[in-house]
C-alpha atoms as a PDB file:
ATOM      1  CA  MET A   1    -117.936 -39.040   8.298  1.00  0.00           C
ATOM      2  CA  ALA A   2    -121.759 -38.391   7.977  1.00  0.00           C
ATOM      3  CA  THR A   3    -123.344 -38.859   4.704  1.00  0.00           C
ATOM      4  CA  LEU A   4    -125.585 -36.087   3.350  1.00  0.00           C
ATOM      5  CA  PRO A   5    -129.330 -37.289   2.316  1.00  0.00           C
ATOM      6  CA  VAL A   6    -130.208 -37.475  -1.302  1.00  0.00           C
ATOM      7  CA  ALA A   7    -132.635 -34.807  -2.253  1.00  0.00           C
ATOM      8  CA  ALA A   8    -136.226 -36.392  -2.654  1.00  0.00           C
ATOM      9  CA  LEU A   9    -136.736 -33.800  -5.471  1.00  0.00           C
ATOM     10  CA  GLU A  10    -134.432 -32.193  -7.989  1.00  0.00           C
ATOM     11  CA  VAL A  11    -135.414 -29.525 -10.524  1.00  0.00           C
ATOM     12  CA  VAL A  12    -132.820 -28.795 -13.282  1.00  0.00           C
ATOM     13  CA  VAL A  13    -133.437 -25.960 -16.084  1.00  0.00           C
ATOM     14  CA  ARG A  14    -131.509 -25.722 -19.366  1.00  0.00           C
ATOM     15  CA  PRO A  15    -130.485 -23.337 -21.023  1.00  0.00           C
ATOM     16  CA  ASP A  16    -129.334 -21.566 -18.557  1.00  0.00           C
ATOM     17  CA  ARG A  17    -129.975 -18.081 -20.517  1.00  0.00           C
ATOM     18  CA  ALA A  18    -133.037 -18.923 -22.480  1.00  0.00           C
ATOM     19  CA  SER A  19    -134.624 -16.417 -24.712  1.00  0.00           C
ATOM     20  CA  LEU A  20    -137.901 -16.345 -26.760  1.00  0.00           C
ATOM     21  CA  GLY A  21    -138.007 -18.967 -29.458  1.00  0.00           C
ATOM     22  CA  ASP A  22    -135.517 -21.526 -27.433  1.00  0.00           C
ATOM     23  CA  THR A  23    -136.824 -24.867 -25.965  1.00  0.00           C
ATOM     24  CA  LEU A  24    -136.777 -25.239 -22.249  1.00  0.00           C
ATOM     25  CA  SER A  25    -135.864 -28.528 -20.951  1.00  0.00           C
ATOM     26  CA  ILE A  26    -136.531 -29.000 -17.463  1.00  0.00           C
ATOM     27  CA  GLU A  27    -135.486 -32.556 -15.839  1.00  0.00           C
ATOM     28  CA  VAL A  28    -136.718 -33.867 -12.395  1.00  0.00           C
ATOM     29  CA  GLN A  29    -135.018 -36.432 -10.372  1.00  0.00           C
ATOM     30  CA  THR A  30    -137.243 -37.956  -7.632  1.00  0.00           C
ATOM     31  CA  THR A  31    -137.191 -40.877  -5.307  1.00  0.00           C
ATOM     32  CA  GLU A  32    -141.082 -41.616  -6.493  1.00  0.00           C
ATOM     33  CA  THR A  33    -141.633 -44.036  -9.003  1.00  0.00           C
ATOM     34  CA  GLU A  34    -144.649 -42.390 -10.363  1.00  0.00           C
ATOM     35  CA  PRO A  35    -144.548 -39.622 -12.751  1.00  0.00           C
ATOM     36  CA  PRO A  36    -143.766 -35.749 -11.329  1.00  0.00           C
ATOM     37  CA  GLN A  37    -146.408 -32.935 -12.390  1.00  0.00           C
ATOM     38  CA  VAL A  38    -144.665 -30.011 -14.066  1.00  0.00           C
ATOM     39  CA  GLU A  39    -146.549 -26.631 -14.349  1.00  0.00           C
ATOM     40  CA  VAL A  40    -145.105 -23.680 -16.246  1.00  0.00           C
ATOM     41  CA  ALA A  41    -146.717 -20.347 -15.832  1.00  0.00           C
ATOM     42  CA  GLY A  42    -149.964 -21.827 -14.790  1.00  0.00           C
ATOM     43  CA  LYS A  43    -150.214 -24.891 -17.591  1.00  0.00           C
ATOM     44  CA  ILE A  44    -149.357 -28.252 -16.789  1.00  0.00           C
ATOM     45  CA  VAL A  45    -146.919 -29.590 -19.011  1.00  0.00           C
ATOM     46  CA  PRO A  46    -146.322 -33.487 -20.609  1.00  0.00           C
ATOM     47  CA  VAL A  47    -143.860 -35.438 -18.679  1.00  0.00           C
ATOM     48  CA  PHE A  48    -141.849 -38.336 -20.148  1.00  0.00           C
ATOM     49  CA  PRO A  49    -139.153 -40.726 -18.384  1.00  0.00           C
ATOM     50  CA  LEU A  50    -135.453 -40.931 -18.735  1.00  0.00           C
ATOM     51  CA  GLY A  51    -134.824 -43.646 -16.575  1.00  0.00           C
ATOM     52  CA  ASN A  52    -133.821 -44.176 -13.085  1.00  0.00           C
ATOM     53  CA  ASN A  53    -136.412 -42.203 -11.603  1.00  0.00           C
ATOM     54  CA  ARG A  54    -135.488 -39.141 -13.853  1.00  0.00           C
ATOM     55  CA  TRP A  55    -138.341 -37.172 -15.847  1.00  0.00           C
ATOM     56  CA  ARG A  56    -138.297 -34.571 -18.577  1.00  0.00           C
ATOM     57  CA  SER A  57    -140.805 -31.851 -19.886  1.00  0.00           C
ATOM     58  CA  LEU A  58    -139.731 -29.658 -22.897  1.00  0.00           C
ATOM     59  CA  VAL A  59    -141.110 -26.449 -23.248  1.00  0.00           C
ATOM     60  CA  PRO A  60    -141.488 -24.124 -25.934  1.00  0.00           C
ATOM     61  CA  THR A  61    -141.230 -20.529 -26.513  1.00  0.00           C
ATOM     62  CA  THR A  62    -142.098 -18.151 -29.081  1.00  0.00           C
ATOM     63  CA  PRO A  63    -141.700 -14.749 -30.647  1.00  0.00           C
ATOM     64  CA  LEU A  64    -145.271 -13.661 -29.754  1.00  0.00           C
ATOM     65  CA  GLN A  65    -144.786 -14.348 -25.860  1.00  0.00           C
ATOM     66  CA  THR A  66    -144.109 -11.855 -23.301  1.00  0.00           C
ATOM     67  CA  PRO A  67    -140.199 -12.352 -21.955  1.00  0.00           C
ATOM     68  CA  GLY A  68    -139.335 -12.242 -18.356  1.00  0.00           C
ATOM     69  CA  ARG A  69    -140.361 -14.727 -15.550  1.00  0.00           C
ATOM     70  CA  ARG A  70    -142.212 -17.542 -15.751  1.00  0.00           C
ATOM     71  CA  SER A  71    -143.387 -19.525 -12.428  1.00  0.00           C
ATOM     72  CA  LEU A  72    -142.258 -23.413 -12.390  1.00  0.00           C
ATOM     73  CA  ILE A  73    -143.875 -25.592  -9.769  1.00  0.00           C
ATOM     74  CA  VAL A  74    -143.000 -29.495  -9.861  1.00  0.00           C
ATOM     75  CA  ARG A  75    -145.072 -31.896  -7.462  1.00  0.00           C
ATOM     76  CA  SER A  76    -143.652 -35.405  -6.386  1.00  0.00           C
ATOM     77  CA  GLY A  77    -145.279 -37.319  -3.826  1.00  0.00           C
ATOM     78  CA  ALA A  78    -145.343 -34.879  -1.051  1.00  0.00           C
ATOM     79  CA  ASP A  79    -142.887 -32.869  -2.208  1.00  0.00           C
ATOM     80  CA  THR A  80    -143.056 -29.486  -3.973  1.00  0.00           C
ATOM     81  CA  ARG A  81    -140.503 -27.198  -5.710  1.00  0.00           C
ATOM     82  CA  ASN A  82    -141.385 -23.568  -6.307  1.00  0.00           C
ATOM     83  CA  MET A  83    -138.902 -22.080  -8.891  1.00  0.00           C
ATOM     84  CA  LEU A  84    -138.991 -18.960 -11.120  1.00  0.00           C
ATOM     85  CA  VAL A  85    -137.619 -19.503 -14.854  1.00  0.00           C
ATOM     86  CA  TRP A  86    -136.561 -16.703 -16.708  1.00  0.00           C
ATOM     87  CA  VAL A  87    -136.828 -16.082 -20.747  1.00  0.00           C
ATOM     88  CA  GLY A  88    -134.803 -13.393 -21.813  1.00  0.00           C
ATOM     89  CA  ASN A  89    -136.101 -10.893 -24.822  1.00  0.00           C
ATOM     90  CA  ARG A  90    -134.800 -10.988 -28.323  1.00  0.00           C
ATOM     91  CA  GLN A  91    -135.203  -9.093 -31.230  1.00  0.00           C
ATOM     92  CA  PHE A  92    -136.396 -10.040 -34.378  1.00  0.00           C
ATOM     93  CA  SER A  93    -135.896  -8.580 -38.138  1.00  0.00           C
ATOM     94  CA  VAL A  94    -138.935  -7.481 -40.095  1.00  0.00           C
ATOM     95  CA  GLN A  95    -139.138  -8.439 -43.954  1.00  0.00           C
ATOM     96  CA  ARG A  96    -141.556  -7.623 -46.929  1.00  0.00           C
ATOM     97  CA  ILE A  97    -142.854 -10.350 -49.068  1.00  0.00           C
ATOM     98  CA  TRP A  98    -144.901  -9.835 -52.550  1.00  0.00           C
ATOM     99  CA  LEU A  99    -146.397 -12.916 -53.424  1.00  0.00           C
ATOM    100  CA  PRO A 100    -147.554 -12.767 -57.062  1.00  0.00           C
ATOM    101  CA  PRO A 101    -151.200 -13.686 -58.452  1.00  0.00           C
ATOM    102  CA  GLY A 102    -151.815 -17.526 -57.765  1.00  0.00           C
ATOM    103  CA  LYS A 103    -149.311 -17.701 -55.102  1.00  0.00           C
ATOM    104  CA  ASP A 104    -151.465 -15.663 -52.483  1.00  0.00           C
ATOM    105  CA  SER A 105    -154.442 -18.108 -51.625  1.00  0.00           C
ATOM    106  CA  SER A 106    -155.656 -17.957 -48.245  1.00  0.00           C
ATOM    107  CA  GLY A 107    -155.744 -21.732 -47.923  1.00  0.00           C
ATOM    108  CA  THR A 108    -157.936 -24.403 -47.502  1.00  0.00           C
ATOM    109  CA  ASP A 109    -159.775 -25.774 -44.215  1.00  0.00           C
ATOM    110  CA  PHE A 110    -158.613 -29.427 -45.234  1.00  0.00           C
ATOM    111  CA  GLU A 111    -154.887 -28.004 -45.501  1.00  0.00           C
ATOM    112  CA  PHE A 112    -155.404 -26.219 -42.181  1.00  0.00           C
ATOM    113  CA  ASP A 113    -157.248 -29.509 -40.571  1.00  0.00           C
ATOM    114  CA  ARG A 114    -154.334 -31.428 -41.481  1.00  0.00           C
ATOM    115  CA  VAL A 115    -151.526 -29.759 -40.438  1.00  0.00           C
ATOM    116  CA  ASP A 116    -153.528 -28.579 -37.132  1.00  0.00           C
ATOM    117  CA  GLU A 117    -154.017 -32.516 -36.415  1.00  0.00           C
ATOM    118  CA  PHE A 118    -150.299 -33.209 -36.988  1.00  0.00           C
ATOM    119  CA  LYS A 119    -148.948 -30.457 -34.856  1.00  0.00           C
ATOM    120  CA  ALA A 120    -151.171 -31.702 -31.861  1.00  0.00           C
ATOM    121  CA  LEU A 121    -149.167 -35.092 -31.786  1.00  0.00           C
ATOM    122  CA  VAL A 122    -147.831 -35.922 -28.399  1.00  0.00           C
ATOM    123  CA  THR A 123    -146.895 -39.468 -28.761  1.00  0.00           C
ATOM    124  CA  PRO A 124    -145.090 -41.333 -25.898  1.00  0.00           C
ATOM    125  CA  GLU A 125    -141.921 -42.909 -27.549  1.00  0.00           C
ATOM    126  CA  LYS A 126    -138.538 -40.585 -27.981  1.00  0.00           C
ATOM    127  CA  LEU A 127    -137.485 -41.773 -31.606  1.00  0.00           C
ATOM    128  CA  TRP A 128    -134.521 -39.114 -32.192  1.00  0.00           C
ATOM    129  CA  GLN A 129    -131.176 -39.688 -31.266  1.00  0.00           C
ATOM    130  CA  GLY A 130    -128.624 -37.128 -30.506  1.00  0.00           C
ATOM    131  CA  PRO A 131    -128.684 -33.451 -32.410  1.00  0.00           C
ATOM    132  CA  PHE A 132    -130.898 -33.067 -35.501  1.00  0.00           C
ATOM    133  CA  ARG A 133    -129.239 -32.927 -38.618  1.00  0.00           C
ATOM    134  CA  ARG A 134    -129.615 -29.846 -41.204  1.00  0.00           C
ATOM    135  CA  PRO A 135    -132.172 -30.896 -43.736  1.00  0.00           C
ATOM    136  CA  HIS A 136    -130.648 -29.061 -46.740  1.00  0.00           C
ATOM    137  CA  ALA A 137    -127.178 -27.737 -47.566  1.00  0.00           C
ATOM    138  CA  GLY A 138    -128.397 -24.693 -49.115  1.00  0.00           C
ATOM    139  CA  PRO A 139    -127.606 -20.904 -47.312  1.00  0.00           C
ATOM    140  CA  VAL A 140    -130.013 -19.609 -44.818  1.00  0.00           C
ATOM    141  CA  THR A 141    -132.308 -17.116 -46.621  1.00  0.00           C
ATOM    142  CA  THR A 142    -134.912 -16.156 -43.811  1.00  0.00           C
ATOM    143  CA  PRO A 143    -133.857 -17.232 -39.900  1.00  0.00           C
ATOM    144  CA  TYR A 144    -136.830 -18.048 -37.355  1.00  0.00           C
ATOM    145  CA  GLY A 145    -138.995 -15.547 -36.055  1.00  0.00           C
ATOM    146  CA  VAL A 146    -139.042 -12.824 -38.593  1.00  0.00           C
ATOM    147  CA  ARG A 147    -142.176 -10.473 -38.779  1.00  0.00           C
ATOM    148  CA  ARG A 148    -143.687  -9.984 -41.949  1.00  0.00           C
ATOM    149  CA  TYR A 149    -145.540  -7.590 -44.052  1.00  0.00           C
ATOM    150  CA  TYR A 150    -147.473  -9.700 -47.133  1.00  0.00           C
ATOM    151  CA  ASN A 151    -148.399  -7.866 -50.070  1.00  0.00           C
ATOM    152  CA  GLY A 152    -147.871  -4.219 -48.128  1.00  0.00           C
ATOM    153  CA  VAL A 153    -149.925  -6.034 -45.202  1.00  0.00           C
ATOM    154  CA  PHE A 154    -148.665  -6.267 -41.720  1.00  0.00           C
ATOM    155  CA  ALA A 155    -149.239  -9.930 -40.214  1.00  0.00           C
ATOM    156  CA  GLU A 156    -150.401  -8.780 -36.944  1.00  0.00           C
ATOM    157  CA  ASN A 157    -150.065 -12.897 -35.068  1.00  0.00           C
ATOM    158  CA  TYR A 158    -147.495 -14.009 -37.580  1.00  0.00           C
ATOM    159  CA  PHE A 159    -143.834 -15.099 -37.232  1.00  0.00           C
ATOM    160  CA  HIS A 160    -141.511 -17.010 -39.304  1.00  0.00           C
ATOM    161  CA  ARG A 161    -142.610 -20.460 -38.150  1.00  0.00           C
ATOM    162  CA  GLY A 162    -138.922 -22.147 -39.169  1.00  0.00           C
ATOM    163  CA  ILE A 163    -135.979 -21.619 -41.426  1.00  0.00           C
ATOM    164  CA  ASP A 164    -135.544 -21.118 -45.122  1.00  0.00           C
ATOM    165  CA  TYR A 165    -132.877 -22.529 -47.396  1.00  0.00           C
ATOM    166  CA  ALA A 166    -132.347 -21.578 -50.790  1.00  0.00           C
ATOM    167  CA  GLY A 167    -131.770 -24.470 -53.276  1.00  0.00           C
ATOM    168  CA  GLY A 168    -132.346 -25.529 -56.639  1.00  0.00           C
ATOM    169  CA  THR A 169    -135.574 -27.378 -57.789  1.00  0.00           C
ATOM    170  CA  GLY A 170    -134.999 -31.024 -57.068  1.00  0.00           C
ATOM    171  CA  SER A 171    -132.077 -30.523 -54.720  1.00  0.00           C
ATOM    172  CA  PRO A 172    -132.342 -33.580 -51.528  1.00  0.00           C
ATOM    173  CA  VAL A 173    -134.278 -32.612 -48.582  1.00  0.00           C
ATOM    174  CA  LEU A 174    -133.294 -34.428 -45.496  1.00  0.00           C
ATOM    175  CA  ALA A 175    -134.929 -35.932 -42.387  1.00  0.00           C
ATOM    176  CA  ALA A 176    -133.498 -33.852 -39.629  1.00  0.00           C
ATOM    177  CA  ALA A 177    -133.904 -36.794 -37.071  1.00  0.00           C
ATOM    178  CA  ARG A 178    -135.433 -40.375 -36.756  1.00  0.00           C
ATOM    179  CA  GLY A 179    -139.032 -40.421 -36.934  1.00  0.00           C
ATOM    180  CA  ARG A 180    -142.420 -41.520 -38.154  1.00  0.00           C
ATOM    181  CA  VAL A 181    -144.078 -39.900 -41.325  1.00  0.00           C
ATOM    182  CA  ALA A 182    -147.089 -38.307 -39.758  1.00  0.00           C
ATOM    183  CA  LEU A 183    -148.205 -35.925 -42.493  1.00  0.00           C
ATOM    184  CA  VAL A 184    -148.085 -36.011 -46.319  1.00  0.00           C
ATOM    185  CA  GLY A 185    -150.086 -33.200 -48.014  1.00  0.00           C
ATOM    186  CA  ARG A 186    -149.939 -32.177 -51.652  1.00  0.00           C
ATOM    187  CA  GLU A 187    -150.610 -28.903 -53.590  1.00  0.00           C
ATOM    188  CA  SER A 188    -153.086 -30.786 -55.911  1.00  0.00           C
ATOM    189  CA  GLN A 189    -154.926 -31.869 -52.566  1.00  0.00           C
ATOM    190  CA  GLY A 190    -155.716 -28.431 -51.448  1.00  0.00           C
ATOM    191  CA  PHE A 191    -152.100 -27.481 -49.491  1.00  0.00           C
ATOM    192  CA  LEU A 192    -152.064 -24.065 -51.212  1.00  0.00           C
ATOM    193  CA  ILE A 193    -150.202 -22.480 -48.489  1.00  0.00           C
ATOM    194  CA  HIS A 194    -147.856 -25.068 -47.221  1.00  0.00           C
ATOM    195  CA  GLY A 195    -147.492 -26.814 -50.897  1.00  0.00           C
ATOM    196  CA  ASN A 196    -146.499 -30.135 -51.207  1.00  0.00           C
ATOM    197  CA  THR A 197    -145.306 -31.149 -47.463  1.00  0.00           C
ATOM    198  CA  VAL A 198    -144.168 -33.714 -45.105  1.00  0.00           C
ATOM    199  CA  GLY A 199    -144.238 -33.857 -41.489  1.00  0.00           C
ATOM    200  CA  ILE A 200    -142.287 -36.240 -39.135  1.00  0.00           C
ATOM    201  CA  ASP A 201    -143.669 -37.277 -35.601  1.00  0.00           C
ATOM    202  CA  HIS A 202    -139.934 -37.927 -33.656  1.00  0.00           C
ATOM    203  CA  GLY A 203    -142.099 -38.527 -30.524  1.00  0.00           C
ATOM    204  CA  GLN A 204    -142.921 -36.797 -26.843  1.00  0.00           C
ATOM    205  CA  GLY A 205    -144.298 -33.512 -28.886  1.00  0.00           C
ATOM    206  CA  VAL A 206    -141.560 -33.020 -30.820  1.00  0.00           C
ATOM    207  CA  ILE A 207    -142.313 -32.708 -34.889  1.00  0.00           C
ATOM    208  CA  THR A 208    -140.703 -31.260 -37.993  1.00  0.00           C
ATOM    209  CA  ILE A 209    -142.212 -30.250 -41.297  1.00  0.00           C
ATOM    210  CA  TYR A 210    -141.134 -29.490 -44.494  1.00  0.00           C
ATOM    211  CA  LEU A 211    -142.783 -27.361 -46.803  1.00  0.00           C
ATOM    212  CA  HIS A 212    -142.807 -26.219 -50.544  1.00  0.00           C
ATOM    213  CA  LEU A 213    -141.632 -29.444 -51.865  1.00  0.00           C
ATOM    214  CA  HIS A 214    -141.285 -30.503 -55.455  1.00  0.00           C
ATOM    215  CA  ASN A 215    -141.428 -34.286 -55.050  1.00  0.00           C
ATOM    216  CA  ILE A 216    -142.253 -36.348 -52.133  1.00  0.00           C
ATOM    217  CA  ARG A 217    -140.512 -39.635 -51.604  1.00  0.00           C
ATOM    218  CA  VAL A 218    -141.981 -40.928 -48.193  1.00  0.00           C
ATOM    219  CA  GLN A 219    -145.506 -42.331 -47.659  1.00  0.00           C
ATOM    220  CA  GLU A 220    -147.439 -41.700 -44.396  1.00  0.00           C
ATOM    221  CA  GLY A 221    -146.392 -44.167 -41.545  1.00  0.00           C
ATOM    222  CA  ASP A 222    -143.323 -44.628 -42.938  1.00  0.00           C
ATOM    223  CA  MET A 223    -140.115 -44.855 -40.666  1.00  0.00           C
ATOM    224  CA  VAL A 224    -137.290 -42.695 -41.539  1.00  0.00           C
ATOM    225  CA  THR A 225    -133.605 -42.241 -40.259  1.00  0.00           C
ATOM    226  CA  ALA A 226    -131.850 -39.257 -39.865  1.00  0.00           C
ATOM    227  CA  GLY A 227    -130.330 -38.131 -42.952  1.00  0.00           C
ATOM    228  CA  GLN A 228    -132.819 -39.859 -44.976  1.00  0.00           C
ATOM    229  CA  VAL A 229    -133.992 -38.380 -48.441  1.00  0.00           C
ATOM    230  CA  ILE A 230    -137.620 -37.395 -47.728  1.00  0.00           C
ATOM    231  CA  GLY A 231    -138.124 -35.037 -50.949  1.00  0.00           C
ATOM    232  CA  THR A 232    -136.760 -32.272 -53.099  1.00  0.00           C
ATOM    233  CA  VAL A 233    -136.723 -28.465 -53.182  1.00  0.00           C
ATOM    234  CA  GLY A 234    -139.541 -26.893 -55.086  1.00  0.00           C
ATOM    235  CA  ASN A 235    -141.599 -24.074 -55.319  1.00  0.00           C
ATOM    236  CA  THR A 236    -145.305 -25.294 -54.446  1.00  0.00           C
ATOM    237  CA  GLY A 237    -147.736 -23.276 -52.386  1.00  0.00           C
ATOM    238  CA  ALA A 238    -147.160 -19.646 -51.218  1.00  0.00           C
ATOM    239  CA  SER A 239    -143.591 -19.284 -52.305  1.00  0.00           C
ATOM    240  CA  THR A 240    -141.879 -16.637 -54.018  1.00  0.00           C
ATOM    241  CA  GLY A 241    -139.040 -19.298 -55.669  1.00  0.00           C
ATOM    242  CA  PRO A 242    -137.527 -22.546 -55.079  1.00  0.00           C
ATOM    243  CA  HIS A 243    -136.784 -23.350 -51.211  1.00  0.00           C
ATOM    244  CA  LEU A 244    -137.236 -25.440 -48.274  1.00  0.00           C
ATOM    245  CA  HIS A 245    -139.192 -24.072 -45.145  1.00  0.00           C
ATOM    246  CA  TRP A 246    -138.199 -26.426 -42.287  1.00  0.00           C
ATOM    247  CA  GLY A 247    -139.988 -25.830 -39.154  1.00  0.00           C
ATOM    248  CA  LEU A 248    -139.887 -27.719 -35.797  1.00  0.00           C
ATOM    249  CA  TYR A 249    -142.595 -27.854 -33.115  1.00  0.00           C
ATOM    250  CA  VAL A 250    -142.724 -28.786 -29.461  1.00  0.00           C
ATOM    251  CA  ASN A 251    -146.076 -29.304 -27.959  1.00  0.00           C
ATOM    252  CA  GLY A 252    -147.764 -27.514 -30.889  1.00  0.00           C
ATOM    253  CA  GLU A 253    -145.597 -24.505 -30.625  1.00  0.00           C
ATOM    254  CA  SER A 254    -143.217 -23.324 -33.230  1.00  0.00           C
ATOM    255  CA  VAL A 255    -139.484 -22.904 -31.702  1.00  0.00           C
ATOM    256  CA  ASP A 256    -136.291 -22.376 -33.116  1.00  0.00           C
ATOM    257  CA  PRO A 257    -134.681 -25.319 -34.685  1.00  0.00           C
ATOM    258  CA  ARG A 258    -130.990 -23.878 -34.433  1.00  0.00           C
ATOM    259  CA  SER A 259    -130.412 -25.000 -31.210  1.00  0.00           C
ATOM    260  CA  TRP A 260    -131.966 -28.878 -31.814  1.00  0.00           C
ATOM    261  CA  LEU A 261    -129.033 -28.781 -34.567  1.00  0.00           C
ATOM    262  CA  GLY A 262    -126.455 -28.325 -31.736  1.00  0.00           C
ATOM    263  CA  GLN A 263    -128.206 -30.966 -29.497  1.00  0.00           C
ATOM    264  CA  GLY A 264    -130.932 -33.333 -29.011  1.00  0.00           C
ATOM    265  CA  TRP A 265    -131.987 -32.698 -25.443  1.00  0.00           C
ATOM    266  CA  GLU A 266    -130.706 -36.424 -24.738  1.00  0.00           C
END
């Protein structure tokens, strides 16, 4: 009986039916020992090893992108795969927010520079293991992707970059996954929009951020485990009441954290 040859380059894209806000996982199996090159919609994306000549890229999609087909080109040695990836549309609700005087700051350069630096992190080691954990036990008050009017003005290029959980001041906020604390910012230092903030680097371009905290219980450089208390719910920054804003970013883009609660792209 003849044995079929092993394909020199195999590519699997998950999920099968992605929509705006989802994270795409592109897994590559190759006979080459060097990492493949993965290009999505004309942009080269980071690739990380999974072992046994397997590699993966995580690709973010957001509500501000256009749904439809995206080109996917994978190159490994002399082999190339040309594919199309479909990202479906998704409807996001609209919300009207009224910020009282003192809570309607436009922020500070220091705040935005620190947060932008944090979101740009793409460190090579994968620190998380398995599905991410819910960071707070309270009910969801605002889901990911909501469009907003602030004090009557529509925020044109804005969408809600995370999930809001209602909670009493001082209730615990948990690290969603193992990682390194790479950002600690305080309202007293100029974090006038984000409020007291903790950012965790989970490696390979995956980060989570926790906003409007009352207390912060970690320092930059700390390694934290999934479920560890990193702070407490508060009302600092541009917030209309005590709650936790939890965001998850992949390669600098905000994605819907919900799919990460079900699985961790192992």
